[in-house]
C-alpha atoms as a PDB file:
ATOM      1  CA  UNK A   1       0.010   0.071   0.008  1.00  0.00           C
ATOM      2  CA  UNK A   2       1.478   3.329  -1.068  1.00  0.00           C
ATOM      3  CA  UNK A   3       1.511   6.420   1.444  1.00  0.00           C
ATOM      4  CA  UNK A   4      -0.506   9.146   0.484  1.00  0.00           C
ATOM      5  CA  UNK A   5       0.472  12.735   1.024  1.00  0.00           C
ATOM      6  CA  UNK A   6      -1.984  15.449   1.929  1.00  0.00           C
ATOM      7  CA  UNK A   7      -1.777  19.181   2.373  1.00  0.00           C
ATOM      8  CA  UNK A   8      -3.824  19.091   5.496  1.00  0.00           C
ATOM      9  CA  UNK A   9      -5.573  16.546   7.901  1.00  0.00           C
ATOM     10  CA  UNK A  10      -8.802  17.925   6.402  1.00  0.00           C
ATOM     11  CA  UNK A  11      -7.922  16.690   2.756  1.00  0.00           C
ATOM     12  CA  UNK A  12      -7.161  13.347   4.347  1.00  0.00           C
ATOM     13  CA  UNK A  13     -10.263  12.770   6.268  1.00  0.00           C
ATOM     14  CA  UNK A  14     -12.872  14.698   4.158  1.00  0.00           C
ATOM     15  CA  UNK A  15     -14.432  13.161   1.118  1.00  0.00           C
ATOM     16  CA  UNK A  16     -14.206  16.147  -1.242  1.00  0.00           C
ATOM     17  CA  UNK A  17     -11.954  19.149  -1.489  1.00  0.00           C
ATOM     18  CA  UNK A  18     -15.004  21.531  -0.858  1.00  0.00           C
ATOM     19  CA  UNK A  19     -15.545  19.686   2.679  1.00  0.00           C
ATOM     20  CA  UNK A  20     -11.903  20.139   3.318  1.00  0.00           C
ATOM     21  CA  UNK A  21     -12.046  23.577   2.821  1.00  0.00           C
ATOM     22  CA  UNK A  22     -15.131  24.370   4.833  1.00  0.00           C
ATOM     23  CA  UNK A  23     -13.799  22.180   7.610  1.00  0.00           C
ATOM     24  CA  UNK A  24     -10.240  24.163   7.329  1.00  0.00           C
ATOM     25  CA  UNK A  25     -12.045  27.399   7.778  1.00  0.00           C
ATOM     26  CA  UNK A  26     -14.260  26.408  10.528  1.00  0.00           C
ATOM     27  CA  UNK A  27     -11.156  25.082  12.396  1.00  0.00           C
ATOM     28  CA  UNK A  28      -9.319  28.549  11.824  1.00  0.00           C
ATOM     29  CA  UNK A  29     -12.342  30.657  12.749  1.00  0.00           C
ATOM     30  CA  UNK A  30     -13.039  28.682  16.071  1.00  0.00           C
ATOM     31  CA  UNK A  31      -9.281  28.950  17.004  1.00  0.00           C
ATOM     32  CA  UNK A  32      -9.460  32.816  16.520  1.00  0.00           C
ATOM     33  CA  UNK A  33     -12.515  32.990  18.483  1.00  0.00           C
ATOM     34  CA  UNK A  34     -11.241  30.961  21.294  1.00  0.00           C
ATOM     35  CA  UNK A  35      -7.923  32.879  21.507  1.00  0.00           C
ATOM     36  CA  UNK A  36     -10.065  36.074  21.806  1.00  0.00           C
ATOM     37  CA  UNK A  37     -12.056  34.572  24.470  1.00  0.00           C
ATOM     38  CA  UNK A  38      -9.082  33.352  26.487  1.00  0.00           C
ATOM     39  CA  UNK A  39      -7.753  37.009  26.212  1.00  0.00           C
ATOM     40  CA  UNK A  40     -10.816  38.409  27.894  1.00  0.00           C
ATOM     41  CA  UNK A  41      -9.706  36.466  31.110  1.00  0.00           C
ATOM     42  CA  UNK A  42     -13.433  36.276  32.267  1.00  0.00           C
ATOM     43  CA  UNK A  43     -15.402  33.212  33.171  1.00  0.00           C
ATOM     44  CA  UNK A  44     -17.155  31.149  30.264  1.00  0.00           C
ATOM     45  CA  UNK A  45     -20.597  32.397  31.618  1.00  0.00           C
ATOM     46  CA  UNK A  46     -19.452  36.126  31.093  1.00  0.00           C
ATOM     47  CA  UNK A  47     -17.704  35.235  27.732  1.00  0.00           C
ATOM     48  CA  UNK A  48     -20.856  33.430  26.485  1.00  0.00           C
ATOM     49  CA  UNK A  49     -22.918  36.467  27.461  1.00  0.00           C
ATOM     50  CA  UNK A  50     -20.573  38.761  25.388  1.00  0.00           C
ATOM     51  CA  UNK A  51     -20.931  36.349  22.504  1.00  0.00           C
ATOM     52  CA  UNK A  52     -24.866  36.195  22.916  1.00  0.00           C
ATOM     53  CA  UNK A  53     -24.363  32.156  23.274  1.00  0.00           C
ATOM     54  CA  UNK A  54     -25.140  30.005  26.165  1.00  0.00           C
ATOM     55  CA  UNK A  55     -22.308  28.547  28.221  1.00  0.00           C
ATOM     56  CA  UNK A  56     -22.564  25.060  27.070  1.00  0.00           C
ATOM     57  CA  UNK A  57     -22.275  26.329  23.593  1.00  0.00           C
ATOM     58  CA  UNK A  58     -19.257  28.260  24.349  1.00  0.00           C
ATOM     59  CA  UNK A  59     -17.801  25.171  26.081  1.00  0.00           C
ATOM     60  CA  UNK A  60     -18.441  23.208  22.901  1.00  0.00           C
ATOM     61  CA  UNK A  61     -16.385  26.001  20.749  1.00  0.00           C
ATOM     62  CA  UNK A  62     -13.515  26.115  23.294  1.00  0.00           C
ATOM     63  CA  UNK A  63     -13.092  22.310  23.277  1.00  0.00           C
ATOM     64  CA  UNK A  64     -12.905  22.199  19.345  1.00  0.00           C
ATOM     65  CA  UNK A  65     -16.232  20.523  18.785  1.00  0.00           C
ATOM     66  CA  UNK A  66     -16.149  21.657  15.267  1.00  0.00           C
ATOM     67  CA  UNK A  67     -19.167  19.450  13.962  1.00  0.00           C
ATOM     68  CA  UNK A  68     -21.459  21.578  16.212  1.00  0.00           C
ATOM     69  CA  UNK A  69     -20.807  24.794  14.265  1.00  0.00           C
ATOM     70  CA  UNK A  70     -21.603  25.756  11.064  1.00  0.00           C
ATOM     71  CA  UNK A  71     -19.364  28.132   9.068  1.00  0.00           C
ATOM     72  CA  UNK A  72     -22.392  30.624   9.164  1.00  0.00           C
ATOM     73  CA  UNK A  73     -22.629  30.327  12.978  1.00  0.00           C
ATOM     74  CA  UNK A  74     -18.939  30.843  13.335  1.00  0.00           C
ATOM     75  CA  UNK A  75     -18.744  33.946  11.122  1.00  0.00           C
ATOM     76  CA  UNK A  76     -21.843  35.502  13.209  1.00  0.00           C
ATOM     77  CA  UNK A  77     -19.721  34.867  16.358  1.00  0.00           C
ATOM     78  CA  UNK A  78     -16.918  36.494  14.914  1.00  0.00           C
ATOM     79  CA  UNK A  79     -17.815  40.127  15.290  1.00  0.00           C
ATOM     80  CA  UNK A  80     -18.827  40.122  18.967  1.00  0.00           C
ATOM     81  CA  UNK A  81     -15.665  38.052  19.549  1.00  0.00           C
ATOM     82  CA  UNK A  82     -13.148  39.667  17.203  1.00  0.00           C
ATOM     83  CA  UNK A  83     -14.643  43.108  16.521  1.00  0.00           C
ATOM     84  CA  UNK A  84     -13.801  44.767  13.032  1.00  0.00           C
ATOM     85  CA  UNK A  85     -14.827  42.678   9.873  1.00  0.00           C
ATOM     86  CA  UNK A  86     -13.852  39.420   8.812  1.00  0.00           C
ATOM     87  CA  UNK A  87     -11.492  39.234   5.795  1.00  0.00           C
ATOM     88  CA  UNK A  88     -11.567  36.383   3.160  1.00  0.00           C
ATOM     89  CA  UNK A  89      -8.933  35.800   0.819  1.00  0.00           C
ATOM     90  CA  UNK A  90      -8.672  33.332  -1.924  1.00  0.00           C
ATOM     91  CA  UNK A  91      -5.243  32.023  -3.269  1.00  0.00           C
ATOM     92  CA  UNK A  92      -4.899  30.558  -6.899  1.00  0.00           C
ATOM     93  CA  UNK A  93      -3.205  27.278  -7.267  1.00  0.00           C
ATOM     94  CA  UNK A  94       0.044  27.246  -9.208  1.00  0.00           C
ATOM     95  CA  UNK A  95      -0.732  26.653 -13.113  1.00  0.00           C
ATOM     96  CA  UNK A  96       0.912  23.348 -13.106  1.00  0.00           C
ATOM     97  CA  UNK A  97      -1.329  22.125 -10.209  1.00  0.00           C
ATOM     98  CA  UNK A  98      -4.560  23.445 -11.712  1.00  0.00           C
ATOM     99  CA  UNK A  99      -3.638  21.543 -15.070  1.00  0.00           C
ATOM    100  CA  UNK A 100      -3.795  18.072 -13.383  1.00  0.00           C
END
Protein backbone atom coordinates (compact mmCIF):
# COMPACT_ATOMS: atom_id res chain seq x y z
CA UNK A 1 0.00 0.00 0.00
CA UNK A 2 1.45 3.34 -1.04
CA UNK A 3 1.60 6.25 1.37
CA UNK A 4 -0.53 9.20 0.33
CA UNK A 5 0.46 12.75 1.20
CA UNK A 6 -2.09 15.42 1.97
CA UNK A 7 -1.65 19.14 2.41
CA UNK A 8 -3.81 19.09 5.57
CA UNK A 9 -5.56 16.68 7.87
CA UNK A 10 -8.87 17.87 6.43
CA UNK A 11 -7.84 16.79 2.94
CA UNK A 12 -7.07 13.35 4.36
CA UNK A 13 -10.32 12.80 6.23
CA UNK A 14 -12.98 14.64 4.22
CA UNK A 15 -14.61 13.18 1.13
CA UNK A 16 -14.28 16.22 -1.15
CA UNK A 17 -11.96 19.22 -1.45
CA UNK A 18 -14.96 21.46 -0.76
CA UNK A 19 -15.69 19.71 2.53
CA UNK A 20 -12.01 19.95 3.47
CA UNK A 21 -12.01 23.70 2.75
CA UNK A 22 -15.14 24.18 4.85
CA UNK A 23 -13.62 22.30 7.79
CA UNK A 24 -10.33 24.15 7.45
CA UNK A 25 -12.11 27.53 7.58
CA UNK A 26 -14.27 26.46 10.51
CA UNK A 27 -11.24 25.25 12.47
CA UNK A 28 -9.33 28.46 11.81
CA UNK A 29 -12.24 30.68 12.82
CA UNK A 30 -12.95 28.61 15.93
CA UNK A 31 -9.31 28.99 16.94
CA UNK A 32 -9.38 32.76 16.50
CA UNK A 33 -12.57 33.10 18.54
CA UNK A 34 -11.22 30.81 21.29
CA UNK A 35 -7.97 32.81 21.42
CA UNK A 36 -9.91 36.06 21.83
CA UNK A 37 -12.11 34.59 24.57
CA UNK A 38 -8.97 33.50 26.44
CA UNK A 39 -7.60 37.06 26.17
CA UNK A 40 -10.72 38.38 27.92
CA UNK A 41 -9.73 36.50 31.10
CA UNK A 42 -13.35 36.13 32.20
CA UNK A 43 -15.49 33.16 33.15
CA UNK A 44 -17.17 31.11 30.44
CA UNK A 45 -20.50 32.48 31.63
CA UNK A 46 -19.40 36.09 31.08
CA UNK A 47 -17.74 35.27 27.76
CA UNK A 48 -20.87 33.47 26.57
CA UNK A 49 -22.96 36.50 27.46
CA UNK A 50 -20.60 38.74 25.46
CA UNK A 51 -21.00 36.42 22.47
CA UNK A 52 -24.76 36.06 22.87
CA UNK A 53 -24.64 32.28 23.28
CA UNK A 54 -25.11 29.84 26.14
CA UNK A 55 -22.21 28.70 28.30
CA UNK A 56 -22.54 25.07 27.10
CA UNK A 57 -22.35 26.33 23.49
CA UNK A 58 -19.20 28.29 24.33
CA UNK A 59 -17.76 25.20 25.99
CA UNK A 60 -18.32 23.29 22.73
CA UNK A 61 -16.41 25.97 20.86
CA UNK A 62 -13.53 26.12 23.35
CA UNK A 63 -13.21 22.34 23.28
CA UNK A 64 -12.99 22.24 19.49
CA UNK A 65 -16.26 20.45 18.80
CA UNK A 66 -16.16 21.62 15.21
CA UNK A 67 -19.05 19.43 14.04
CA UNK A 68 -21.42 21.45 16.23
CA UNK A 69 -20.76 24.73 14.39
CA UNK A 70 -21.55 25.73 10.85
CA UNK A 71 -19.37 28.23 9.06
CA UNK A 72 -22.31 30.66 9.20
CA UNK A 73 -22.59 30.33 12.97
CA UNK A 74 -18.88 31.00 13.41
CA UNK A 75 -18.99 34.02 11.12
CA UNK A 76 -21.85 35.38 13.23
CA UNK A 77 -19.81 34.87 16.42
CA UNK A 78 -16.72 36.51 14.97
CA UNK A 79 -17.96 40.11 15.20
CA UNK A 80 -18.63 40.16 18.96
CA UNK A 81 -15.52 38.06 19.58
CA UNK A 82 -13.03 39.61 17.21
CA UNK A 83 -14.46 43.06 16.50
CA UNK A 84 -13.81 44.76 13.20
CA UNK A 85 -14.74 42.81 10.13
CA UNK A 86 -13.90 39.40 8.80
CA UNK A 87 -11.64 39.30 5.76
CA UNK A 88 -11.64 36.48 3.24
CA UNK A 89 -8.82 35.80 0.81
CA UNK A 90 -8.52 33.30 -1.98
CA UNK A 91 -5.23 31.89 -3.21
CA UNK A 92 -4.93 30.61 -6.76
CA UNK A 93 -3.26 27.27 -7.28
CA UNK A 94 -0.05 27.30 -9.28
CA UNK A 95 -0.83 26.76 -12.97
CA UNK A 96 0.90 23.37 -13.03
CA UNK A 97 -1.32 22.03 -10.21
CA UNK A 98 -4.47 23.45 -11.75
CA UNK A 99 -3.89 21.57 -15.00
CA UNK A 100 -3.75 18.12 -13.36
